[in-house]
Amino acid sequence: MSHHRPASEPSRDELLARLAEQRLASSRMDIVRVSDLVSATDPLRSGPDCPHPRQIEDYVRGRLKSRKQVAVREHLTHCPTCRRYVVGLREASSRPLPPAPVSAPTPVLGIGHIAGLTIAGVLLLLANTAMLDLLDAVEAQPVSVATVRTEPPRVVVEAASLEPRPVVVPAGESRETAGEGESLVEATEVGDPAARGATVQP
């Protein structure tokens, strides 16, 4: 039986893509926080000669045109404040992201394991069938049980059978069959002397 995923449930690839977008957004927020921190703590960031923080971010990411790229690079040569800002941006952007969670691999059964499970199932089925056949063959028969006074005491089991079939002795020590119209007498030792002379009907 195949299990179909509901249409509204996202696939594993979609979940990983969403997770990657969330981590990228988190990294961008780190960069913005660094930018805001530098702007708030360093009064020189508002100087007329310093580029705008967003322009420095674009410089770090390589998004500026060649002319502005050169201008920001020249400014960094004599502005330690902007250089510290660039270092902070690069450290935030180069921070490694934690690996994406990977679901546990589904165990793959080898051909030997599958064959073993199949054979075990067949053997179990055969054992159950054989037990049902045995119970069907051993039906209840008219049985009388009596303890006679012997040394040691013995239980005598007499069963009448109309057709050849197995007869189960209560003591479980032996089993014989009786033919049509015949009676079977089976003697089995018992260890309870108090039961001598008692007659029990099943």
N, C-alpha and C. Protein backbone atom coordinates (compact mmCIF):
# COMPACT_ATOMS: atom_id res chain seq x y z
N MET A 1 0.85 -1.19 0.00
CA MET A 1 0.00 0.00 0.00
C MET A 1 0.89 1.24 0.00
N SER A 2 0.68 2.11 -0.94
CA SER A 2 1.50 3.32 -1.04
C SER A 2 0.85 4.44 -0.24
N HIS A 3 1.68 5.23 0.42
CA HIS A 3 1.21 6.35 1.23
C HIS A 3 1.48 7.64 0.46
N HIS A 4 0.44 8.38 0.18
CA HIS A 4 0.58 9.63 -0.56
C HIS A 4 0.61 10.78 0.42
N ARG A 5 1.54 11.73 0.20
CA ARG A 5 1.64 12.90 1.05
C ARG A 5 0.53 13.87 0.69
N PRO A 6 -0.14 14.46 1.67
CA PRO A 6 -1.19 15.44 1.37
C PRO A 6 -0.66 16.55 0.47
N ALA A 7 -1.57 17.09 -0.35
CA ALA A 7 -1.16 18.10 -1.32
C ALA A 7 -0.63 19.36 -0.64
N SER A 8 -1.13 19.66 0.56
CA SER A 8 -0.71 20.88 1.26
C SER A 8 0.62 20.74 1.97
N GLU A 9 1.13 19.54 2.13
CA GLU A 9 2.37 19.33 2.86
C GLU A 9 3.57 19.59 1.95
N PRO A 10 4.50 20.46 2.33
CA PRO A 10 5.66 20.75 1.47
C PRO A 10 6.61 19.57 1.40
N SER A 11 7.32 19.49 0.29
CA SER A 11 8.29 18.41 0.12
C SER A 11 9.57 18.73 0.89
N ARG A 12 10.47 17.75 0.94
CA ARG A 12 11.73 17.94 1.66
C ARG A 12 12.57 19.03 1.00
N ASP A 13 12.60 19.06 -0.33
CA ASP A 13 13.38 20.10 -1.03
C ASP A 13 12.83 21.49 -0.74
N GLU A 14 11.50 21.60 -0.68
CA GLU A 14 10.91 22.91 -0.37
C GLU A 14 11.26 23.35 1.04
N LEU A 15 11.24 22.41 1.98
CA LEU A 15 11.60 22.75 3.36
C LEU A 15 13.05 23.21 3.45
N LEU A 16 13.95 22.52 2.75
CA LEU A 16 15.36 22.91 2.77
C LEU A 16 15.56 24.28 2.13
N ALA A 17 14.82 24.56 1.05
CA ALA A 17 14.93 25.86 0.40
C ALA A 17 14.46 26.98 1.34
N ARG A 18 13.36 26.73 2.04
CA ARG A 18 12.88 27.73 2.99
C ARG A 18 13.88 27.95 4.12
N LEU A 19 14.48 26.86 4.58
CA LEU A 19 15.46 26.98 5.65
C LEU A 19 16.68 27.78 5.20
N ALA A 20 17.13 27.54 3.96
CA ALA A 20 18.26 28.29 3.43
C ALA A 20 17.93 29.78 3.32
N GLU A 21 16.71 30.10 2.89
CA GLU A 21 16.30 31.50 2.79
C GLU A 21 16.27 32.16 4.17
N GLN A 22 15.79 31.43 5.16
CA GLN A 22 15.74 31.98 6.51
C GLN A 22 17.14 32.25 7.04
N ARG A 23 18.08 31.35 6.77
CA ARG A 23 19.45 31.55 7.25
C ARG A 23 20.13 32.69 6.51
N LEU A 24 19.85 32.83 5.22
CA LEU A 24 20.40 33.95 4.47
C LEU A 24 19.85 35.27 5.00
N ALA A 25 18.56 35.29 5.29
CA ALA A 25 17.97 36.50 5.85
C ALA A 25 18.58 36.81 7.22
N SER A 26 18.86 35.76 7.99
CA SER A 26 19.49 35.98 9.29
C SER A 26 20.88 36.58 9.14
N SER A 27 21.64 36.10 8.13
CA SER A 27 22.98 36.66 7.89
C SER A 27 22.89 38.13 7.47
N ARG A 28 21.90 38.45 6.65
CA ARG A 28 21.74 39.84 6.24
C ARG A 28 21.39 40.73 7.44
N MET A 29 20.58 40.20 8.33
CA MET A 29 20.25 40.97 9.53
C MET A 29 21.48 41.19 10.40
N ASP A 30 22.39 40.20 10.44
CA ASP A 30 23.64 40.39 11.18
C ASP A 30 24.44 41.54 10.59
N ILE A 31 24.49 41.60 9.26
CA ILE A 31 25.24 42.68 8.60
C ILE A 31 24.61 44.04 8.91
N VAL A 32 23.27 44.08 8.87
CA VAL A 32 22.59 45.34 9.18
C VAL A 32 22.85 45.75 10.63
N ARG A 33 22.85 44.76 11.54
CA ARG A 33 23.11 45.10 12.94
C ARG A 33 24.52 45.64 13.13
N VAL A 34 25.49 45.05 12.40
CA VAL A 34 26.86 45.58 12.48
C VAL A 34 26.90 47.01 11.96
N SER A 35 26.20 47.23 10.85
CA SER A 35 26.17 48.58 10.28
C SER A 35 25.55 49.58 11.26
N ASP A 36 24.44 49.20 11.85
CA ASP A 36 23.79 50.10 12.79
C ASP A 36 24.64 50.31 14.04
N LEU A 37 25.33 49.26 14.48
CA LEU A 37 26.18 49.38 15.66
C LEU A 37 27.33 50.35 15.42
N VAL A 38 27.96 50.20 14.26
CA VAL A 38 29.08 51.09 13.95
C VAL A 38 28.58 52.53 13.81
N SER A 39 27.43 52.70 13.16
CA SER A 39 26.91 54.05 12.98
C SER A 39 26.54 54.69 14.31
N ALA A 40 26.05 53.88 15.24
CA ALA A 40 25.62 54.44 16.52
C ALA A 40 26.77 54.71 17.47
N THR A 41 27.84 53.93 17.37
CA THR A 41 28.93 54.06 18.34
C THR A 41 30.07 54.94 17.85
N ASP A 42 30.16 55.15 16.57
CA ASP A 42 31.29 55.93 16.03
C ASP A 42 30.76 57.22 15.43
N PRO A 43 31.02 58.36 16.07
CA PRO A 43 30.52 59.63 15.53
C PRO A 43 31.14 60.00 14.20
N LEU A 44 32.30 59.45 13.89
CA LEU A 44 32.94 59.79 12.62
C LEU A 44 32.19 59.20 11.43
N ARG A 45 31.24 58.24 11.69
CA ARG A 45 30.52 57.64 10.57
C ARG A 45 29.64 58.68 9.89
N SER A 46 29.31 59.74 10.58
CA SER A 46 28.47 60.76 9.97
C SER A 46 29.28 61.86 9.30
N GLY A 47 30.58 61.60 9.19
CA GLY A 47 31.43 62.61 8.56
C GLY A 47 31.10 62.76 7.09
N PRO A 48 31.33 63.95 6.54
CA PRO A 48 30.98 64.21 5.14
C PRO A 48 31.82 63.42 4.16
N ASP A 49 33.00 62.98 4.56
CA ASP A 49 33.88 62.27 3.64
C ASP A 49 33.60 60.76 3.58
N CYS A 50 32.90 60.22 4.57
CA CYS A 50 32.68 58.77 4.64
C CYS A 50 31.49 58.37 3.76
N PRO A 51 31.61 57.28 3.04
CA PRO A 51 30.48 56.79 2.24
C PRO A 51 29.33 56.34 3.14
N HIS A 52 28.18 56.25 2.54
CA HIS A 52 27.02 55.76 3.28
C HIS A 52 27.24 54.28 3.64
N PRO A 53 26.77 53.83 4.80
CA PRO A 53 26.96 52.42 5.18
C PRO A 53 26.47 51.44 4.13
N ARG A 54 25.34 51.76 3.47
CA ARG A 54 24.85 50.85 2.43
C ARG A 54 25.82 50.76 1.27
N GLN A 55 26.49 51.86 0.98
CA GLN A 55 27.46 51.85 -0.12
C GLN A 55 28.67 50.98 0.25
N ILE A 56 29.07 51.04 1.51
CA ILE A 56 30.19 50.19 1.94
C ILE A 56 29.77 48.72 1.91
N GLU A 57 28.51 48.43 2.26
CA GLU A 57 28.02 47.05 2.18
C GLU A 57 28.06 46.56 0.74
N ASP A 58 27.64 47.41 -0.19
CA ASP A 58 27.70 47.03 -1.60
C ASP A 58 29.15 46.85 -2.06
N TYR A 59 30.04 47.63 -1.49
CA TYR A 59 31.47 47.48 -1.82
C TYR A 59 31.98 46.11 -1.36
N VAL A 60 31.60 45.74 -0.14
CA VAL A 60 32.04 44.43 0.38
C VAL A 60 31.47 43.30 -0.46
N ARG A 61 30.26 43.45 -0.95
CA ARG A 61 29.62 42.39 -1.74
C ARG A 61 29.97 42.47 -3.22
N GLY A 62 30.72 43.51 -3.62
CA GLY A 62 31.11 43.64 -5.03
C GLY A 62 29.99 44.09 -5.93
N ARG A 63 29.07 44.89 -5.42
CA ARG A 63 27.93 45.34 -6.21
C ARG A 63 28.11 46.75 -6.77
N LEU A 64 29.17 47.40 -6.40
CA LEU A 64 29.38 48.77 -6.89
C LEU A 64 29.96 48.76 -8.29
N LYS A 65 29.68 49.84 -9.01
CA LYS A 65 30.32 50.01 -10.32
C LYS A 65 31.79 50.32 -10.12
N SER A 66 32.56 50.13 -11.15
CA SER A 66 34.03 50.24 -11.02
C SER A 66 34.45 51.60 -10.49
N ARG A 67 33.82 52.69 -10.92
CA ARG A 67 34.24 54.02 -10.48
C ARG A 67 33.99 54.19 -8.98
N LYS A 68 32.78 53.79 -8.49
CA LYS A 68 32.50 53.90 -7.07
C LYS A 68 33.32 52.91 -6.25
N GLN A 69 33.59 51.75 -6.85
CA GLN A 69 34.42 50.77 -6.16
C GLN A 69 35.80 51.35 -5.87
N VAL A 70 36.36 52.03 -6.86
CA VAL A 70 37.69 52.64 -6.68
C VAL A 70 37.62 53.76 -5.65
N ALA A 71 36.54 54.54 -5.66
CA ALA A 71 36.42 55.66 -4.72
C ALA A 71 36.34 55.15 -3.28
N VAL A 72 35.57 54.10 -3.05
CA VAL A 72 35.47 53.56 -1.68
C VAL A 72 36.80 52.95 -1.26
N ARG A 73 37.49 52.28 -2.18
CA ARG A 73 38.79 51.68 -1.84
C ARG A 73 39.80 52.76 -1.45
N GLU A 74 39.79 53.86 -2.17
CA GLU A 74 40.71 54.96 -1.83
C GLU A 74 40.35 55.56 -0.47
N HIS A 75 39.06 55.66 -0.20
CA HIS A 75 38.65 56.21 1.09
C HIS A 75 39.11 55.30 2.24
N LEU A 76 39.07 54.00 2.03
CA LEU A 76 39.46 53.07 3.09
C LEU A 76 40.94 53.16 3.44
N THR A 77 41.74 53.67 2.52
CA THR A 77 43.18 53.75 2.79
C THR A 77 43.51 54.76 3.88
N HIS A 78 42.67 55.75 4.10
CA HIS A 78 42.97 56.77 5.11
C HIS A 78 41.86 56.91 6.15
N CYS A 79 40.88 55.99 6.17
CA CYS A 79 39.80 56.08 7.16
C CYS A 79 39.75 54.78 7.98
N PRO A 80 40.35 54.76 9.17
CA PRO A 80 40.34 53.54 9.99
C PRO A 80 38.94 53.15 10.45
N THR A 81 38.05 54.13 10.59
CA THR A 81 36.69 53.81 11.03
C THR A 81 35.96 52.97 9.99
N CYS A 82 36.03 53.40 8.73
CA CYS A 82 35.38 52.64 7.67
C CYS A 82 36.05 51.28 7.46
N ARG A 83 37.38 51.23 7.68
CA ARG A 83 38.07 49.93 7.56
C ARG A 83 37.55 48.96 8.62
N ARG A 84 37.35 49.45 9.85
CA ARG A 84 36.80 48.57 10.89
C ARG A 84 35.39 48.11 10.52
N TYR A 85 34.65 48.99 9.91
CA TYR A 85 33.30 48.63 9.48
C TYR A 85 33.35 47.53 8.41
N VAL A 86 34.28 47.67 7.47
CA VAL A 86 34.43 46.65 6.42
C VAL A 86 34.82 45.31 7.03
N VAL A 87 35.74 45.36 8.00
CA VAL A 87 36.16 44.10 8.66
C VAL A 87 34.97 43.44 9.34
N GLY A 88 34.16 44.24 10.03
CA GLY A 88 32.98 43.67 10.69
C GLY A 88 32.00 43.06 9.71
N LEU A 89 31.79 43.73 8.57
CA LEU A 89 30.89 43.18 7.56
C LEU A 89 31.41 41.86 6.99
N ARG A 90 32.70 41.82 6.71
CA ARG A 90 33.27 40.59 6.13
C ARG A 90 33.23 39.43 7.13
N GLU A 91 33.46 39.73 8.40
CA GLU A 91 33.38 38.66 9.40
C GLU A 91 31.95 38.13 9.53
N ALA A 92 30.98 39.04 9.47
CA ALA A 92 29.58 38.60 9.57
C ALA A 92 29.16 37.79 8.36
N SER A 93 29.60 38.20 7.17
CA SER A 93 29.19 37.49 5.96
C SER A 93 29.93 36.18 5.77
N SER A 94 31.14 36.06 6.35
CA SER A 94 31.91 34.82 6.19
C SER A 94 31.63 33.81 7.28
N ARG A 95 30.77 34.15 8.21
CA ARG A 95 30.47 33.21 9.30
C ARG A 95 29.78 31.98 8.72
N PRO A 96 30.30 30.78 8.95
CA PRO A 96 29.70 29.57 8.36
C PRO A 96 28.33 29.30 8.96
N LEU A 97 27.42 28.92 8.09
CA LEU A 97 26.09 28.57 8.54
C LEU A 97 26.08 27.12 9.02
N PRO A 98 25.24 26.79 10.00
CA PRO A 98 25.14 25.39 10.43
C PRO A 98 24.59 24.53 9.31
N PRO A 99 25.01 23.29 9.25
CA PRO A 99 24.54 22.42 8.16
C PRO A 99 23.04 22.21 8.23
N ALA A 100 22.44 22.07 7.07
CA ALA A 100 21.01 21.84 7.01
C ALA A 100 20.69 20.47 7.58
N PRO A 101 19.59 20.35 8.31
CA PRO A 101 19.23 19.04 8.88
C PRO A 101 18.92 18.05 7.78
N VAL A 102 19.41 16.87 7.94
CA VAL A 102 19.18 15.80 6.97
C VAL A 102 18.40 14.71 7.67
N SER A 103 17.32 14.29 7.04
CA SER A 103 16.52 13.23 7.64
C SER A 103 17.31 11.94 7.71
N ALA A 104 16.97 11.12 8.71
CA ALA A 104 17.67 9.85 8.89
C ALA A 104 17.46 8.97 7.67
N PRO A 105 18.52 8.31 7.18
CA PRO A 105 18.37 7.46 5.99
C PRO A 105 17.45 6.29 6.27
N THR A 106 16.65 5.96 5.27
CA THR A 106 15.75 4.81 5.39
C THR A 106 16.55 3.53 5.26
N PRO A 107 16.43 2.61 6.23
CA PRO A 107 17.19 1.37 6.12
C PRO A 107 16.79 0.57 4.90
N VAL A 108 17.77 0.07 4.18
CA VAL A 108 17.54 -0.72 2.98
C VAL A 108 17.82 -2.17 3.31
N LEU A 109 16.84 -3.02 3.10
CA LEU A 109 17.01 -4.43 3.38
C LEU A 109 17.73 -5.11 2.22
N GLY A 110 18.75 -5.88 2.55
CA GLY A 110 19.44 -6.65 1.53
C GLY A 110 18.62 -7.83 1.09
N ILE A 111 19.03 -8.44 -0.02
CA ILE A 111 18.28 -9.57 -0.56
C ILE A 111 18.29 -10.73 0.41
N GLY A 112 19.41 -10.89 1.17
CA GLY A 112 19.48 -11.97 2.15
C GLY A 112 18.49 -11.77 3.28
N HIS A 113 18.37 -10.51 3.74
CA HIS A 113 17.43 -10.21 4.82
C HIS A 113 16.00 -10.43 4.37
N ILE A 114 15.68 -9.99 3.15
CA ILE A 114 14.33 -10.17 2.63
C ILE A 114 14.01 -11.65 2.48
N ALA A 115 14.98 -12.44 1.96
CA ALA A 115 14.76 -13.88 1.80
C ALA A 115 14.55 -14.55 3.16
N GLY A 116 15.33 -14.11 4.17
CA GLY A 116 15.17 -14.69 5.50
C GLY A 116 13.80 -14.41 6.08
N LEU A 117 13.31 -13.17 5.91
CA LEU A 117 11.98 -12.84 6.41
C LEU A 117 10.90 -13.64 5.68
N THR A 118 11.08 -13.85 4.37
CA THR A 118 10.10 -14.62 3.60
C THR A 118 10.06 -16.06 4.06
N ILE A 119 11.23 -16.67 4.24
CA ILE A 119 11.29 -18.07 4.69
C ILE A 119 10.68 -18.21 6.08
N ALA A 120 10.99 -17.26 6.97
CA ALA A 120 10.42 -17.32 8.31
C ALA A 120 8.90 -17.24 8.28
N GLY A 121 8.36 -16.39 7.41
CA GLY A 121 6.90 -16.29 7.30
C GLY A 121 6.28 -17.57 6.78
N VAL A 122 6.92 -18.20 5.78
CA VAL A 122 6.40 -19.46 5.24
C VAL A 122 6.43 -20.55 6.30
N LEU A 123 7.53 -20.64 7.05
CA LEU A 123 7.63 -21.66 8.10
C LEU A 123 6.56 -21.45 9.17
N LEU A 124 6.31 -20.19 9.54
CA LEU A 124 5.28 -19.91 10.53
C LEU A 124 3.90 -20.32 10.03
N LEU A 125 3.63 -20.07 8.75
CA LEU A 125 2.35 -20.46 8.16
C LEU A 125 2.19 -21.97 8.16
N LEU A 126 3.26 -22.69 7.78
CA LEU A 126 3.20 -24.15 7.77
C LEU A 126 2.99 -24.70 9.18
N ALA A 127 3.66 -24.11 10.18
CA ALA A 127 3.50 -24.58 11.55
C ALA A 127 2.07 -24.39 12.04
N ASN A 128 1.47 -23.25 11.72
CA ASN A 128 0.08 -23.02 12.12
C ASN A 128 -0.87 -24.00 11.45
N THR A 129 -0.63 -24.28 10.15
CA THR A 129 -1.47 -25.24 9.43
C THR A 129 -1.36 -26.63 10.03
N ALA A 130 -0.13 -27.06 10.36
CA ALA A 130 0.06 -28.38 10.96
C ALA A 130 -0.62 -28.47 12.32
N MET A 131 -0.59 -27.43 13.11
CA MET A 131 -1.24 -27.44 14.41
C MET A 131 -2.75 -27.54 14.27
N LEU A 132 -3.33 -26.85 13.29
CA LEU A 132 -4.77 -26.96 13.07
C LEU A 132 -5.16 -28.36 12.64
N ASP A 133 -4.35 -28.98 11.77
CA ASP A 133 -4.62 -30.36 11.35
C ASP A 133 -4.56 -31.31 12.54
N LEU A 134 -3.60 -31.11 13.43
CA LEU A 134 -3.47 -31.99 14.59
C LEU A 134 -4.67 -31.84 15.52
N LEU A 135 -5.11 -30.61 15.76
CA LEU A 135 -6.27 -30.40 16.62
C LEU A 135 -7.53 -30.96 16.00
N ASP A 136 -7.63 -30.90 14.67
CA ASP A 136 -8.78 -31.46 13.99
C ASP A 136 -8.80 -32.98 14.08
N ALA A 137 -7.63 -33.61 14.06
CA ALA A 137 -7.55 -35.07 14.12
C ALA A 137 -7.83 -35.59 15.52
N VAL A 138 -7.40 -34.86 16.54
CA VAL A 138 -7.57 -35.32 17.92
C VAL A 138 -8.87 -34.74 18.46
N GLU A 139 -9.96 -35.38 18.18
CA GLU A 139 -11.25 -34.93 18.67
C GLU A 139 -11.56 -35.58 20.02
N ALA A 140 -12.52 -35.02 20.72
CA ALA A 140 -12.88 -35.56 22.04
C ALA A 140 -13.51 -36.94 21.87
N GLN A 141 -13.07 -37.90 22.65
CA GLN A 141 -13.58 -39.27 22.64
C GLN A 141 -14.17 -39.59 24.01
N PRO A 142 -15.12 -40.53 24.07
CA PRO A 142 -15.62 -40.98 25.38
C PRO A 142 -14.49 -41.65 26.15
N VAL A 143 -14.09 -41.06 27.25
CA VAL A 143 -12.96 -41.55 28.01
C VAL A 143 -13.37 -41.68 29.47
N SER A 144 -13.04 -42.79 30.10
CA SER A 144 -13.24 -42.95 31.53
C SER A 144 -11.90 -43.17 32.18
N VAL A 145 -11.69 -42.53 33.32
CA VAL A 145 -10.42 -42.59 34.03
C VAL A 145 -10.68 -43.20 35.40
N ALA A 146 -9.89 -44.20 35.78
CA ALA A 146 -10.02 -44.82 37.10
C ALA A 146 -8.65 -45.15 37.64
N THR A 147 -8.49 -45.02 38.94
CA THR A 147 -7.24 -45.38 39.61
C THR A 147 -7.43 -46.74 40.29
N VAL A 148 -6.61 -47.68 39.94
CA VAL A 148 -6.72 -49.03 40.51
C VAL A 148 -5.66 -49.18 41.58
N ARG A 149 -5.90 -50.12 42.50
CA ARG A 149 -4.99 -50.33 43.62
C ARG A 149 -3.87 -51.25 43.17
N THR A 150 -2.80 -50.69 42.75
CA THR A 150 -1.61 -51.44 42.37
C THR A 150 -0.41 -50.78 43.01
N GLU A 151 0.70 -51.42 42.92
CA GLU A 151 1.95 -50.85 43.42
C GLU A 151 2.91 -50.68 42.26
N PRO A 152 3.28 -49.49 41.83
CA PRO A 152 2.72 -48.20 42.26
C PRO A 152 1.34 -47.99 41.67
N PRO A 153 0.56 -47.03 42.17
CA PRO A 153 -0.79 -46.80 41.63
C PRO A 153 -0.74 -46.41 40.16
N ARG A 154 -1.71 -46.84 39.38
CA ARG A 154 -1.73 -46.57 37.95
C ARG A 154 -3.11 -46.04 37.56
N VAL A 155 -3.12 -45.22 36.57
CA VAL A 155 -4.37 -44.69 36.03
C VAL A 155 -4.71 -45.49 34.79
N VAL A 156 -5.91 -46.02 34.73
CA VAL A 156 -6.35 -46.78 33.57
C VAL A 156 -7.31 -45.92 32.77
N VAL A 157 -6.99 -45.73 31.51
CA VAL A 157 -7.80 -44.91 30.62
C VAL A 157 -8.43 -45.83 29.60
N GLU A 158 -9.76 -45.81 29.48
CA GLU A 158 -10.45 -46.64 28.51
C GLU A 158 -11.22 -45.72 27.58
N ALA A 159 -10.99 -45.90 26.31
CA ALA A 159 -11.65 -45.05 25.32
C ALA A 159 -12.22 -45.92 24.23
N ALA A 160 -13.42 -45.62 23.80
CA ALA A 160 -14.06 -46.34 22.70
C ALA A 160 -14.02 -45.45 21.48
N SER A 161 -13.71 -46.03 20.35
CA SER A 161 -13.62 -45.26 19.11
C SER A 161 -14.35 -46.00 18.02
N LEU A 162 -15.07 -45.27 17.18
CA LEU A 162 -15.78 -45.86 16.06
C LEU A 162 -14.93 -45.98 14.83
N GLU A 163 -13.83 -45.27 14.76
CA GLU A 163 -12.94 -45.34 13.60
C GLU A 163 -11.53 -45.08 14.07
N PRO A 164 -10.55 -45.54 13.32
CA PRO A 164 -9.16 -45.34 13.75
C PRO A 164 -8.84 -43.85 13.84
N ARG A 165 -8.45 -43.40 15.02
CA ARG A 165 -8.00 -42.04 15.23
C ARG A 165 -7.19 -42.01 16.52
N PRO A 166 -6.34 -41.04 16.67
CA PRO A 166 -5.50 -41.00 17.87
C PRO A 166 -6.32 -40.70 19.11
N VAL A 167 -5.91 -41.26 20.23
CA VAL A 167 -6.53 -41.02 21.53
C VAL A 167 -5.49 -40.39 22.43
N VAL A 168 -5.82 -39.28 23.06
CA VAL A 168 -4.88 -38.57 23.91
C VAL A 168 -5.02 -39.08 25.33
N VAL A 169 -3.91 -39.57 25.90
CA VAL A 169 -3.89 -40.04 27.28
C VAL A 169 -3.67 -38.84 28.19
N PRO A 170 -4.46 -38.67 29.26
CA PRO A 170 -4.32 -37.48 30.11
C PRO A 170 -2.93 -37.30 30.66
N ALA A 171 -2.23 -38.40 31.03
CA ALA A 171 -0.89 -38.26 31.59
C ALA A 171 0.12 -37.81 30.56
N GLY A 172 -0.21 -37.94 29.28
CA GLY A 172 0.65 -37.46 28.22
C GLY A 172 1.87 -38.31 27.96
N GLU A 173 1.92 -39.54 28.45
CA GLU A 173 3.13 -40.34 28.31
C GLU A 173 3.08 -41.24 27.08
N SER A 174 1.89 -41.61 26.61
CA SER A 174 1.81 -42.48 25.43
C SER A 174 0.49 -42.24 24.73
N ARG A 175 0.42 -42.72 23.47
CA ARG A 175 -0.79 -42.53 22.68
C ARG A 175 -0.92 -43.70 21.73
N GLU A 176 -2.10 -44.28 21.63
CA GLU A 176 -2.35 -45.38 20.71
C GLU A 176 -3.65 -45.11 19.98
N THR A 177 -3.97 -45.95 19.03
CA THR A 177 -5.22 -45.80 18.28
C THR A 177 -6.09 -47.01 18.51
N ALA A 178 -7.38 -46.81 18.40
CA ALA A 178 -8.33 -47.90 18.55
C ALA A 178 -9.10 -48.07 17.26
N GLY A 179 -9.31 -49.32 16.88
CA GLY A 179 -10.03 -49.59 15.64
C GLY A 179 -11.52 -49.50 15.84
N GLU A 180 -12.26 -49.70 14.75
CA GLU A 180 -13.70 -49.57 14.79
C GLU A 180 -14.29 -50.64 15.70
N GLY A 181 -15.14 -50.21 16.65
CA GLY A 181 -15.78 -51.13 17.55
C GLY A 181 -14.88 -51.68 18.62
N GLU A 182 -13.64 -51.22 18.75
CA GLU A 182 -12.70 -51.73 19.73
C GLU A 182 -12.60 -50.76 20.90
N SER A 183 -12.04 -51.26 21.97
CA SER A 183 -11.78 -50.42 23.14
C SER A 183 -10.29 -50.37 23.37
N LEU A 184 -9.82 -49.26 23.83
CA LEU A 184 -8.41 -49.06 24.12
C LEU A 184 -8.24 -48.93 25.62
N VAL A 185 -7.30 -49.70 26.17
CA VAL A 185 -6.98 -49.59 27.58
C VAL A 185 -5.53 -49.18 27.69
N GLU A 186 -5.28 -48.06 28.33
CA GLU A 186 -3.93 -47.54 28.46
C GLU A 186 -3.66 -47.31 29.93
N ALA A 187 -2.50 -47.78 30.43
CA ALA A 187 -2.14 -47.62 31.83
C ALA A 187 -1.01 -46.63 31.94
N THR A 188 -1.15 -45.70 32.87
CA THR A 188 -0.13 -44.69 33.09
C THR A 188 0.06 -44.52 34.59
N GLU A 189 1.31 -44.47 35.02
CA GLU A 189 1.59 -44.33 36.44
C GLU A 189 1.25 -42.92 36.91
N VAL A 190 0.77 -42.84 38.17
CA VAL A 190 0.54 -41.55 38.82
C VAL A 190 1.23 -41.58 40.16
N GLY A 191 1.54 -40.43 40.66
CA GLY A 191 2.28 -40.36 41.92
C GLY A 191 1.47 -39.92 43.10
N ASP A 192 0.14 -39.85 42.98
CA ASP A 192 -0.68 -39.37 44.09
C ASP A 192 -1.41 -40.54 44.72
N PRO A 193 -0.92 -41.08 45.84
CA PRO A 193 -1.58 -42.22 46.47
C PRO A 193 -2.99 -41.89 46.93
N ALA A 194 -3.31 -40.64 47.23
CA ALA A 194 -4.63 -40.27 47.72
C ALA A 194 -5.70 -40.50 46.68
N ALA A 195 -5.29 -40.59 45.41
CA ALA A 195 -6.26 -40.74 44.34
C ALA A 195 -6.64 -42.19 44.11
N ARG A 196 -6.10 -43.11 44.86
CA ARG A 196 -6.39 -44.53 44.65
C ARG A 196 -7.88 -44.81 44.90
N GLY A 197 -8.48 -45.58 44.02
CA GLY A 197 -9.87 -45.96 44.15
C GLY A 197 -10.85 -44.93 43.67
N ALA A 198 -10.36 -43.76 43.19
CA ALA A 198 -11.26 -42.71 42.72
C ALA A 198 -11.55 -42.89 41.26
N THR A 199 -12.75 -42.55 40.84
CA THR A 199 -13.14 -42.63 39.44
C THR A 199 -13.55 -41.23 38.99
N VAL A 200 -13.00 -40.80 37.88
CA VAL A 200 -13.25 -39.44 37.37
C VAL A 200 -13.80 -39.55 35.98
N GLN A 201 -14.90 -38.89 35.70
CA GLN A 201 -15.45 -38.82 34.35
C GLN A 201 -15.13 -37.45 33.78
N PRO A 202 -14.55 -37.36 32.61
CA PRO A 202 -14.21 -36.05 32.03
C PRO A 202 -15.45 -35.25 31.68
